[in-house]
C-alpha atoms as a PDB file:
ATOM      1  CA  GLN A   1       0.006  -0.098   0.289  1.00  0.00           C
ATOM      2  CA  ARG A   2       2.366   2.593   0.817  1.00  0.00           C
ATOM      3  CA  LEU A   3       4.567   1.901  -2.613  1.00  0.00           C
ATOM      4  CA  LYS A   4       1.565   2.072  -4.256  1.00  0.00           C
ATOM      5  CA  ALA A   5       1.184   5.991  -2.421  1.00  0.00           C
ATOM      6  CA  ALA A   6       4.781   6.634  -2.816  1.00  0.00           C
ATOM      7  CA  VAL A   7       3.987   6.131  -6.806  1.00  0.00           C
ATOM      8  CA  HIS A   8       0.436   7.960  -6.869  1.00  0.00           C
ATOM      9  CA  TYR A   9       2.423  11.340  -5.156  1.00  0.00           C
ATOM     10  CA  THR A  10       5.527  10.926  -7.376  1.00  0.00           C
ATOM     11  CA  VAL A  11       2.988  10.775 -10.593  1.00  0.00           C
ATOM     12  CA  GLY A  12       0.861  13.877  -8.920  1.00  0.00           C
ATOM     13  CA  CYS A  13       4.458  15.974  -8.194  1.00  0.00           C
ATOM     14  CA  LEU A  14       4.976  15.193 -11.608  1.00  0.00           C
ATOM     15  CA  CYS A  15       1.742  15.562 -13.534  1.00  0.00           C
ATOM     16  CA  GLU A  16       1.792  19.222 -12.148  1.00  0.00           C
ATOM     17  CA  GLU A  17       4.929  19.739 -13.165  1.00  0.00           C
ATOM     18  CA  VAL A  18       3.747  19.150 -16.721  1.00  0.00           C
ATOM     19  CA  GLU A  19       0.887  21.221 -15.817  1.00  0.00           C
ATOM     20  CA  GLU A  20       3.418  24.300 -15.269  1.00  0.00           C
ATOM     21  CA  ASP A  21       5.467  23.769 -18.272  1.00  0.00           C
ATOM     22  CA  LYS A  22       2.572  22.823 -21.008  1.00  0.00           C
ATOM     23  CA  ASP A  23      -0.372  24.899 -19.812  1.00  0.00           C
ATOM     24  CA  VAL A  24      -2.688  22.055 -19.635  1.00  0.00           C
ATOM     25  CA  GLN A  25      -4.488  20.342 -16.843  1.00  0.00           C
ATOM     26  CA  PHE A  26      -4.658  16.814 -15.288  1.00  0.00           C
ATOM     27  CA  SER A  27      -7.879  15.746 -13.685  1.00  0.00           C
ATOM     28  CA  LYS A  28      -7.827  13.424 -10.005  1.00  0.00           C
ATOM     29  CA  GLN A  29      -8.795  10.566 -12.323  1.00  0.00           C
ATOM     30  CA  SER A  30      -6.636  10.714 -14.781  1.00  0.00           C
ATOM     31  CA  ILE A  31      -3.778  10.858 -12.373  1.00  0.00           C
ATOM     32  CA  ALA A  32      -5.082   7.750 -10.587  1.00  0.00           C
ATOM     33  CA  ALA A  33      -5.166   6.369 -13.973  1.00  0.00           C
ATOM     34  CA  ILE A  34      -1.923   7.381 -15.121  1.00  0.00           C
ATOM     35  CA  SER A  35      -0.347   5.969 -11.478  1.00  0.00           C
ATOM     36  CA  ASP A  36      -2.462   2.662 -11.417  1.00  0.00           C
ATOM     37  CA  ILE A  37      -1.002   2.246 -14.945  1.00  0.00           C
ATOM     38  CA  THR A  38       2.836   2.709 -13.730  1.00  0.00           C
ATOM     39  CA  PHE A  39       2.337   0.496 -10.909  1.00  0.00           C
ATOM     40  CA  ARG A  40       1.228  -2.249 -12.687  1.00  0.00           C
ATOM     41  CA  GLN A  41       3.945  -1.646 -15.202  1.00  0.00           C
ATOM     42  CA  CYS A  42       6.460  -1.237 -12.880  1.00  0.00           C
ATOM     43  CA  GLU A  43       5.243  -5.066 -11.229  1.00  0.00           C
ATOM     44  CA  ILE A  44       5.582  -6.426 -15.050  1.00  0.00           C
ATOM     45  CA  PHE A  45       9.057  -4.825 -14.928  1.00  0.00           C
ATOM     46  CA  ALA A  46       9.929  -6.819 -11.896  1.00  0.00           C
ATOM     47  CA  LYS A  47       8.874 -10.000 -12.918  1.00  0.00           C
ATOM     48  CA  ASP A  48      10.667  -9.906 -16.346  1.00  0.00           C
ATOM     49  CA  LEU A  49      13.636  -9.072 -14.680  1.00  0.00           C
ATOM     50  CA  GLU A  50      13.605 -12.283 -12.229  1.00  0.00           C
ATOM     51  CA  MET A  51      12.618 -14.256 -15.014  1.00  0.00           C
ATOM     52  CA  PHE A  52      16.356 -13.143 -16.938  1.00  0.00           C
ATOM     53  CA  ALA A  53      18.603 -13.657 -13.719  1.00  0.00           C
ATOM     54  CA  ARG A  54      16.621 -16.824 -13.317  1.00  0.00           C
ATOM     55  CA  HIS A  55      16.889 -17.453 -16.979  1.00  0.00           C
ATOM     56  CA  ALA A  56      21.280 -16.791 -16.353  1.00  0.00           C
ATOM     57  CA  LYS A  57      20.540 -19.478 -13.034  1.00  0.00           C
ATOM     58  CA  ARG A  58      21.350 -16.416 -10.887  1.00  0.00           C
ATOM     59  CA  THR A  59      19.431 -15.227  -8.069  1.00  0.00           C
ATOM     60  CA  THR A  60      20.596 -11.489  -8.382  1.00  0.00           C
ATOM     61  CA  VAL A  61      19.322  -8.848 -10.550  1.00  0.00           C
ATOM     62  CA  THR A  62      21.812  -7.825 -12.821  1.00  0.00           C
ATOM     63  CA  THR A  63      22.756  -4.378 -14.613  1.00  0.00           C
ATOM     64  CA  GLU A  64      22.691  -6.396 -17.921  1.00  0.00           C
ATOM     65  CA  ASP A  65      18.626  -7.446 -16.734  1.00  0.00           C
ATOM     66  CA  VAL A  66      18.183  -4.271 -16.623  1.00  0.00           C
ATOM     67  CA  LYS A  67      19.383  -3.505 -19.619  1.00  0.00           C
ATOM     68  CA  LEU A  68      17.389  -6.209 -21.188  1.00  0.00           C
ATOM     69  CA  LEU A  69      14.225  -4.682 -20.161  1.00  0.00           C
ATOM     70  CA  ALA A  70      14.904  -1.436 -21.700  1.00  0.00           C
ATOM     71  CA  ARG A  71      16.501  -2.545 -24.807  1.00  0.00           C
ATOM     72  CA  ARG A  72      13.066  -1.489 -26.704  1.00  0.00           C
ATOM     73  CA  SER A  73      13.686   2.080 -25.546  1.00  0.00           C
ATOM     74  CA  ASN A  74      16.822   3.413 -27.259  1.00  0.00           C
ATOM     75  CA  SER A  75      16.701   7.003 -25.414  1.00  0.00           C
ATOM     76  CA  LEU A  76      16.577   4.661 -22.126  1.00  0.00           C
ATOM     77  CA  LEU A  77      18.776   2.214 -22.808  1.00  0.00           C
ATOM     78  CA  LYS A  78      21.356   4.224 -23.979  1.00  0.00           C
ATOM     79  CA  TYR A  79      20.851   6.095 -20.013  1.00  0.00           C
ATOM     80  CA  ILE A  80      20.922   3.256 -18.348  1.00  0.00           C
ATOM     81  CA  THR A  81      24.368   2.109 -19.760  1.00  0.00           C
ATOM     82  CA  GLN A  82      25.823   5.373 -19.712  1.00  0.00           C
ATOM     83  CA  LYS A  83      24.583   5.414 -15.941  1.00  0.00           C
ATOM     84  CA  SER A  84      25.977   1.999 -15.236  1.00  0.00           C
ATOM     85  CA  GLU A  85      29.656   2.763 -17.178  1.00  0.00           C
ATOM     86  CA  GLU A  86      30.092   5.936 -14.399  1.00  0.00           C
ATOM     87  CA  PHE A  87      29.057   3.122 -11.312  1.00  0.00           C
ATOM     88  CA  ALA A  88      31.653   0.910 -12.450  1.00  0.00           C
ATOM     89  CA  SER A  89      34.123   3.753 -13.035  1.00  0.00           C
ATOM     90  CA  ASN A  90      33.494   5.148  -9.691  1.00  0.00           C
ATOM     91  CA  ASN A  91      33.548   2.158  -7.630  1.00  0.00           C
ATOM     92  CA  MET A  92      37.267   1.257 -10.022  1.00  0.00           C
ATOM     93  CA  GLU A  93      38.448   4.543  -8.167  1.00  0.00           C
ATOM     94  CA  GLN A  94      37.085   3.793  -4.783  1.00  0.00           C
ATOM     95  CA  LYS A  95      38.737   0.383  -4.969  1.00  0.00           C
ATOM     96  CA  GLU A  96      41.857   1.926  -6.357  1.00  0.00           C
ATOM     97  CA  LYS A  97      42.169   4.927  -3.154  1.00  0.00           C
ATOM     98  CA  LYS A  98      41.570   1.751  -0.703  1.00  0.00           C
ATOM     99  CA  LYS A  99      44.278   0.025  -2.594  1.00  0.00           C
ATOM    100  CA  LYS A 100      46.967   2.680  -1.921  1.00  0.00           C
ATOM    101  CA  LYS A 101      45.810   3.476   1.824  1.00  0.00           C
END
């Protein structure tokens, strides 16, 4: 319930930003519908990620699973790949700092 409420709140905030930016109005019903669809899609994503990991005989979801999930959206895949590379380089830098100490 708390997660669903958090999704609804976030969708509401995003809709407010769009309202200000694009000079449009969202009804409470449309915000509720968008948040419900978003929550359902997240459930589907979570199940898909679990299945990708299970197919690879793993119990942990990896960034490669997330990239596989995002493969149909070029911009999202590009963003996830970029962030993944940033995290990897930051981790390498931190490991090198620990070795020097």
